[in-house]
């Protein structure tokens, strides 16, 4: 049970994403699942300790999130259930589409040591990284980057929000010059 409070008018809602917002993430994705894989599959791995620690002891980005309190509007969702699932929650709640670019999704430098199909699965559907996925107006993006630098946390623009007024609530993946729906997979509560 979590019991707490939020300052008046400082709550961050999933339903506040707007057309042309920048979509961003903190840190790198897929690390926790890579660590879980290492713990369960014998082998020689580069930076084994890093990945195992990212699985065993994730670092929720609380300080970064707290420092965004001066922003009038920012959407934040922790990536505990997978990027695809968290992006879909924002898209559905905000009644917008979210467009993600595969080449922009940040991963650790040695992430390519794992099979490609696992890399893709982990960064979109793995979860447990406890990084933050967010959207913010273009005019506030520099502030986001400034705060991230101040707390020594990488932040990456990975896409944009789109609202065409019809059939919104989807997540689209741009990969190899193709746009395709990104399924809402990952951990879904009450499924």
C-alpha atoms as a PDB file:
ATOM      1  CA  UNK A   1       0.000   0.000   0.000  1.00  0.00           C
ATOM      2  CA  UNK A   2       1.295   3.414  -0.934  1.00  0.00           C
ATOM      3  CA  UNK A   3      -0.046   6.347   1.032  1.00  0.00           C
ATOM      4  CA  UNK A   4       1.121   9.817   0.136  1.00  0.00           C
ATOM      5  CA  UNK A   5       0.192  13.153  -1.275  1.00  0.00           C
ATOM      6  CA  UNK A   6       1.009  15.505  -4.105  1.00  0.00           C
ATOM      7  CA  UNK A   7       1.218  19.269  -3.932  1.00  0.00           C
ATOM      8  CA  UNK A   8      -1.810  21.112  -5.201  1.00  0.00           C
ATOM      9  CA  UNK A   9      -1.796  21.497  -9.032  1.00  0.00           C
ATOM     10  CA  UNK A  10       1.435  19.480  -9.262  1.00  0.00           C
ATOM     11  CA  UNK A  11      -0.055  16.086 -10.122  1.00  0.00           C
ATOM     12  CA  UNK A  12       1.125  14.622 -13.447  1.00  0.00           C
ATOM     13  CA  UNK A  13      -1.557  12.893 -15.466  1.00  0.00           C
ATOM     14  CA  UNK A  14      -1.415  10.439 -18.349  1.00  0.00           C
ATOM     15  CA  UNK A  15      -4.255  12.300 -20.046  1.00  0.00           C
ATOM     16  CA  UNK A  16      -2.295  15.552 -20.578  1.00  0.00           C
ATOM     17  CA  UNK A  17      -0.310  14.641 -23.727  1.00  0.00           C
ATOM     18  CA  UNK A  18      -1.010  17.018 -26.614  1.00  0.00           C
ATOM     19  CA  UNK A  19      -0.484  17.183 -30.349  1.00  0.00           C
ATOM     20  CA  UNK A  20       3.168  17.817 -31.311  1.00  0.00           C
ATOM     21  CA  UNK A  21       4.522  17.119 -27.817  1.00  0.00           C
ATOM     22  CA  UNK A  22       7.990  15.604 -27.700  1.00  0.00           C
ATOM     23  CA  UNK A  23       8.110  12.038 -26.389  1.00  0.00           C
ATOM     24  CA  UNK A  24      11.168  11.294 -24.242  1.00  0.00           C
ATOM     25  CA  UNK A  25      12.687   8.655 -21.983  1.00  0.00           C
ATOM     26  CA  UNK A  26      15.312   8.756 -19.280  1.00  0.00           C
ATOM     27  CA  UNK A  27      18.274   6.385 -19.146  1.00  0.00           C
ATOM     28  CA  UNK A  28      18.541   3.254 -21.274  1.00  0.00           C
ATOM     29  CA  UNK A  29      15.928   0.576 -21.887  1.00  0.00           C
ATOM     30  CA  UNK A  30      16.119  -3.202 -21.795  1.00  0.00           C
ATOM     31  CA  UNK A  31      18.886  -3.366 -19.180  1.00  0.00           C
ATOM     32  CA  UNK A  32      16.824  -5.070 -16.478  1.00  0.00           C
ATOM     33  CA  UNK A  33      15.683  -7.864 -18.762  1.00  0.00           C
ATOM     34  CA  UNK A  34      19.257  -8.283 -20.007  1.00  0.00           C
ATOM     35  CA  UNK A  35      20.314  -8.703 -16.373  1.00  0.00           C
ATOM     36  CA  UNK A  36      17.579 -11.260 -15.782  1.00  0.00           C
ATOM     37  CA  UNK A  37      18.739 -13.112 -18.898  1.00  0.00           C
ATOM     38  CA  UNK A  38      22.346 -13.148 -17.659  1.00  0.00           C
ATOM     39  CA  UNK A  39      21.246 -14.531 -14.289  1.00  0.00           C
ATOM     40  CA  UNK A  40      19.390 -17.355 -16.016  1.00  0.00           C
ATOM     41  CA  UNK A  41      21.671 -18.146 -18.970  1.00  0.00           C
ATOM     42  CA  UNK A  42      25.263 -19.230 -18.477  1.00  0.00           C
ATOM     43  CA  UNK A  43      27.729 -17.502 -20.740  1.00  0.00           C
ATOM     44  CA  UNK A  44      30.363 -14.831 -21.120  1.00  0.00           C
ATOM     45  CA  UNK A  45      28.868 -11.350 -20.998  1.00  0.00           C
ATOM     46  CA  UNK A  46      30.343  -7.875 -21.298  1.00  0.00           C
ATOM     47  CA  UNK A  47      29.485  -5.659 -18.278  1.00  0.00           C
ATOM     48  CA  UNK A  48      27.701  -8.535 -16.572  1.00  0.00           C
ATOM     49  CA  UNK A  49      27.663  -6.746 -13.194  1.00  0.00           C
ATOM     50  CA  UNK A  50      26.063  -3.624 -14.663  1.00  0.00           C
ATOM     51  CA  UNK A  51      23.150  -5.534 -16.198  1.00  0.00           C
ATOM     52  CA  UNK A  52      22.619  -7.734 -13.146  1.00  0.00           C
ATOM     53  CA  UNK A  53      22.537  -4.654 -10.907  1.00  0.00           C
ATOM     54  CA  UNK A  54      20.069  -2.915 -13.212  1.00  0.00           C
ATOM     55  CA  UNK A  55      17.804  -5.921 -12.721  1.00  0.00           C
ATOM     56  CA  UNK A  56      18.316  -6.395  -9.008  1.00  0.00           C
ATOM     57  CA  UNK A  57      18.478  -2.749  -7.936  1.00  0.00           C
ATOM     58  CA  UNK A  58      16.721  -0.406 -10.391  1.00  0.00           C
ATOM     59  CA  UNK A  59      16.948   3.323  -9.727  1.00  0.00           C
ATOM     60  CA  UNK A  60      13.564   5.038  -9.937  1.00  0.00           C
ATOM     61  CA  UNK A  61      14.029   8.567 -11.298  1.00  0.00           C
ATOM     62  CA  UNK A  62      12.397  10.362  -8.373  1.00  0.00           C
ATOM     63  CA  UNK A  63      14.817  13.297  -8.149  1.00  0.00           C
ATOM     64  CA  UNK A  64      14.428  14.078 -11.851  1.00  0.00           C
ATOM     65  CA  UNK A  65      10.632  13.910 -11.625  1.00  0.00           C
ATOM     66  CA  UNK A  66      10.526  16.100  -8.524  1.00  0.00           C
ATOM     67  CA  UNK A  67      12.572  18.798 -10.240  1.00  0.00           C
ATOM     68  CA  UNK A  68       9.950  19.096 -12.974  1.00  0.00           C
ATOM     69  CA  UNK A  69       7.436  20.615 -10.574  1.00  0.00           C
ATOM     70  CA  UNK A  70       7.774  24.074 -12.135  1.00  0.00           C
ATOM     71  CA  UNK A  71       6.520  22.839 -15.492  1.00  0.00           C
ATOM     72  CA  UNK A  72       2.906  23.705 -16.168  1.00  0.00           C
ATOM     73  CA  UNK A  73       2.341  20.445 -18.058  1.00  0.00           C
ATOM     74  CA  UNK A  74       4.392  17.281 -18.410  1.00  0.00           C
ATOM     75  CA  UNK A  75       3.194  13.694 -18.693  1.00  0.00           C
ATOM     76  CA  UNK A  76       5.234  11.041 -16.886  1.00  0.00           C
ATOM     77  CA  UNK A  77       4.871   7.267 -16.681  1.00  0.00           C
ATOM     78  CA  UNK A  78       7.450   4.938 -15.152  1.00  0.00           C
ATOM     79  CA  UNK A  79       8.639   2.115 -17.376  1.00  0.00           C
ATOM     80  CA  UNK A  80       7.927  -0.764 -15.078  1.00  0.00           C
ATOM     81  CA  UNK A  81       5.651  -2.685 -17.439  1.00  0.00           C
ATOM     82  CA  UNK A  82       7.482  -2.066 -20.734  1.00  0.00           C
ATOM     83  CA  UNK A  83       7.767   0.943 -23.050  1.00  0.00           C
ATOM     84  CA  UNK A  84       5.006  -0.253 -25.375  1.00  0.00           C
ATOM     85  CA  UNK A  85       2.544  -0.719 -22.527  1.00  0.00           C
ATOM     86  CA  UNK A  86       3.366   2.608 -20.847  1.00  0.00           C
ATOM     87  CA  UNK A  87       3.175   4.521 -24.146  1.00  0.00           C
ATOM     88  CA  UNK A  88      -0.204   2.922 -24.870  1.00  0.00           C
ATOM     89  CA  UNK A  89      -1.502   4.010 -21.459  1.00  0.00           C
ATOM     90  CA  UNK A  90      -0.603   7.628 -22.256  1.00  0.00           C
ATOM     91  CA  UNK A  91      -2.000   7.429 -25.808  1.00  0.00           C
ATOM     92  CA  UNK A  92      -5.289   5.956 -24.626  1.00  0.00           C
ATOM     93  CA  UNK A  93      -5.743   8.323 -21.679  1.00  0.00           C
ATOM     94  CA  UNK A  94      -4.851  11.408 -23.751  1.00  0.00           C
ATOM     95  CA  UNK A  95      -6.737  10.262 -26.856  1.00  0.00           C
ATOM     96  CA  UNK A  96      -3.672  10.855 -29.022  1.00  0.00           C
ATOM     97  CA  UNK A  97      -1.281   8.725 -31.058  1.00  0.00           C
ATOM     98  CA  UNK A  98       2.303   8.291 -29.959  1.00  0.00           C
ATOM     99  CA  UNK A  99       4.988   7.862 -32.614  1.00  0.00           C
ATOM    100  CA  UNK A 100       8.267   6.233 -31.576  1.00  0.00           C
ATOM    101  CA  UNK A 101      11.449   5.935 -33.636  1.00  0.00           C
ATOM    102  CA  UNK A 102      13.273   2.632 -33.188  1.00  0.00           C
ATOM    103  CA  UNK A 103      16.690   4.152 -33.930  1.00  0.00           C
ATOM    104  CA  UNK A 104      16.217   6.729 -31.152  1.00  0.00           C
ATOM    105  CA  UNK A 105      15.384   4.302 -28.330  1.00  0.00           C
ATOM    106  CA  UNK A 106      18.433   4.506 -26.023  1.00  0.00           C
ATOM    107  CA  UNK A 107      20.179   1.288 -25.080  1.00  0.00           C
ATOM    108  CA  UNK A 108      23.428   0.582 -23.246  1.00  0.00           C
ATOM    109  CA  UNK A 109      26.651   0.461 -25.265  1.00  0.00           C
ATOM    110  CA  UNK A 110      27.096  -3.315 -24.914  1.00  0.00           C
ATOM    111  CA  UNK A 111      23.440  -4.143 -25.490  1.00  0.00           C
ATOM    112  CA  UNK A 112      24.196  -5.440 -28.980  1.00  0.00           C
ATOM    113  CA  UNK A 113      25.895  -8.525 -27.470  1.00  0.00           C
ATOM    114  CA  UNK A 114      22.448 -10.094 -27.106  1.00  0.00           C
ATOM    115  CA  UNK A 115      20.429 -11.649 -29.950  1.00  0.00           C
ATOM    116  CA  UNK A 116      18.554  -9.007 -31.961  1.00  0.00           C
ATOM    117  CA  UNK A 117      15.114 -10.499 -31.278  1.00  0.00           C
ATOM    118  CA  UNK A 118      15.783 -10.324 -27.528  1.00  0.00           C
ATOM    119  CA  UNK A 119      17.089  -6.759 -27.775  1.00  0.00           C
ATOM    120  CA  UNK A 120      13.878  -5.674 -29.494  1.00  0.00           C
ATOM    121  CA  UNK A 121      11.642  -7.606 -27.113  1.00  0.00           C
ATOM    122  CA  UNK A 122      13.373  -6.281 -23.990  1.00  0.00           C
ATOM    123  CA  UNK A 123      13.493  -2.605 -24.946  1.00  0.00           C
ATOM    124  CA  UNK A 124       9.794  -2.459 -25.906  1.00  0.00           C
ATOM    125  CA  UNK A 125       8.130  -5.087 -23.736  1.00  0.00           C
ATOM    126  CA  UNK A 126      10.585  -6.028 -20.972  1.00  0.00           C
ATOM    127  CA  UNK A 127       9.927  -3.427 -18.327  1.00  0.00           C
ATOM    128  CA  UNK A 128      11.431  -3.270 -14.843  1.00  0.00           C
ATOM    129  CA  UNK A 129      13.910  -0.565 -15.914  1.00  0.00           C
ATOM    130  CA  UNK A 130      12.000   2.057 -13.900  1.00  0.00           C
ATOM    131  CA  UNK A 131      13.046   4.774 -16.294  1.00  0.00           C
ATOM    132  CA  UNK A 132      10.525   7.484 -17.127  1.00  0.00           C
ATOM    133  CA  UNK A 133       8.566   7.910 -20.323  1.00  0.00           C
ATOM    134  CA  UNK A 134       7.175  11.387 -20.802  1.00  0.00           C
ATOM    135  CA  UNK A 135       5.703  13.944 -23.144  1.00  0.00           C
ATOM    136  CA  UNK A 136       6.234  17.664 -22.997  1.00  0.00           C
ATOM    137  CA  UNK A 137       5.521  20.674 -25.169  1.00  0.00           C
ATOM    138  CA  UNK A 138       8.326  21.607 -27.558  1.00  0.00           C
ATOM    139  CA  UNK A 139       8.869  24.909 -25.755  1.00  0.00           C
ATOM    140  CA  UNK A 140       9.672  23.035 -22.516  1.00  0.00           C
ATOM    141  CA  UNK A 141      12.115  20.499 -23.992  1.00  0.00           C
ATOM    142  CA  UNK A 142      15.197  22.583 -23.194  1.00  0.00           C
ATOM    143  CA  UNK A 143      14.091  22.749 -19.550  1.00  0.00           C
ATOM    144  CA  UNK A 144      13.751  18.946 -19.452  1.00  0.00           C
ATOM    145  CA  UNK A 145      17.289  18.558 -20.831  1.00  0.00           C
ATOM    146  CA  UNK A 146      18.651  21.103 -18.355  1.00  0.00           C
ATOM    147  CA  UNK A 147      17.131  19.266 -15.371  1.00  0.00           C
ATOM    148  CA  UNK A 148      18.386  15.914 -16.663  1.00  0.00           C
ATOM    149  CA  UNK A 149      21.898  17.308 -16.989  1.00  0.00           C
ATOM    150  CA  UNK A 150      21.684  18.781 -13.489  1.00  0.00           C
ATOM    151  CA  UNK A 151      20.850  15.382 -11.971  1.00  0.00           C
ATOM    152  CA  UNK A 152      23.329  13.591 -14.268  1.00  0.00           C
ATOM    153  CA  UNK A 153      20.662  11.553 -16.044  1.00  0.00           C
ATOM    154  CA  UNK A 154      20.544  10.883 -19.780  1.00  0.00           C
ATOM    155  CA  UNK A 155      17.298  11.957 -21.432  1.00  0.00           C
ATOM    156  CA  UNK A 156      16.472  11.177 -25.062  1.00  0.00           C
ATOM    157  CA  UNK A 157      13.828  12.437 -27.465  1.00  0.00           C
ATOM    158  CA  UNK A 158      12.328   9.278 -28.997  1.00  0.00           C
ATOM    159  CA  UNK A 159       9.251  10.485 -30.860  1.00  0.00           C
ATOM    160  CA  UNK A 160       6.264  12.789 -30.951  1.00  0.00           C
ATOM    161  CA  UNK A 161       2.581  12.994 -30.126  1.00  0.00           C
ATOM    162  CA  UNK A 162       0.021  13.284 -32.901  1.00  0.00           C
ATOM    163  CA  UNK A 163      -3.681  14.021 -32.743  1.00  0.00           C
ATOM    164  CA  UNK A 164      -5.626  13.695 -35.950  1.00  0.00           C
ATOM    165  CA  UNK A 165      -9.030  13.716 -34.286  1.00  0.00           C
ATOM    166  CA  UNK A 166     -10.014  10.182 -35.249  1.00  0.00           C
ATOM    167  CA  UNK A 167      -9.030   6.725 -34.032  1.00  0.00           C
ATOM    168  CA  UNK A 168      -6.427   8.056 -31.637  1.00  0.00           C
ATOM    169  CA  UNK A 169      -5.043   6.055 -28.731  1.00  0.00           C
ATOM    170  CA  UNK A 170      -2.449   4.046 -30.659  1.00  0.00           C
ATOM    171  CA  UNK A 171       1.329   3.724 -30.523  1.00  0.00           C
ATOM    172  CA  UNK A 172       3.199   3.645 -33.816  1.00  0.00           C
ATOM    173  CA  UNK A 173       6.749   2.401 -34.330  1.00  0.00           C
ATOM    174  CA  UNK A 174       8.849   3.908 -37.117  1.00  0.00           C
ATOM    175  CA  UNK A 175      11.453   1.324 -38.114  1.00  0.00           C
ATOM    176  CA  UNK A 176      13.407   0.884 -41.364  1.00  0.00           C
ATOM    177  CA  UNK A 177      11.304   3.544 -43.145  1.00  0.00           C
ATOM    178  CA  UNK A 178       8.064   1.781 -42.175  1.00  0.00           C
ATOM    179  CA  UNK A 179       5.367   2.793 -39.715  1.00  0.00           C
ATOM    180  CA  UNK A 180       3.597  -0.030 -37.920  1.00  0.00           C
ATOM    181  CA  UNK A 181       1.441  -0.372 -34.816  1.00  0.00           C
ATOM    182  CA  UNK A 182       3.342  -1.262 -31.648  1.00  0.00           C
ATOM    183  CA  UNK A 183       1.306  -3.788 -29.719  1.00  0.00           C
ATOM    184  CA  UNK A 184       0.374  -3.112 -26.123  1.00  0.00           C
ATOM    185  CA  UNK A 185       2.471  -5.913 -24.721  1.00  0.00           C
ATOM    186  CA  UNK A 186       4.516  -6.117 -21.569  1.00  0.00           C
ATOM    187  CA  UNK A 187       3.049  -6.603 -18.138  1.00  0.00           C
ATOM    188  CA  UNK A 188      -0.624  -5.638 -18.064  1.00  0.00           C
ATOM    189  CA  UNK A 189      -2.259  -5.662 -14.636  1.00  0.00           C
ATOM    190  CA  UNK A 190      -5.513  -7.604 -14.239  1.00  0.00           C
ATOM    191  CA  UNK A 191      -5.084  -9.430 -17.550  1.00  0.00           C
END
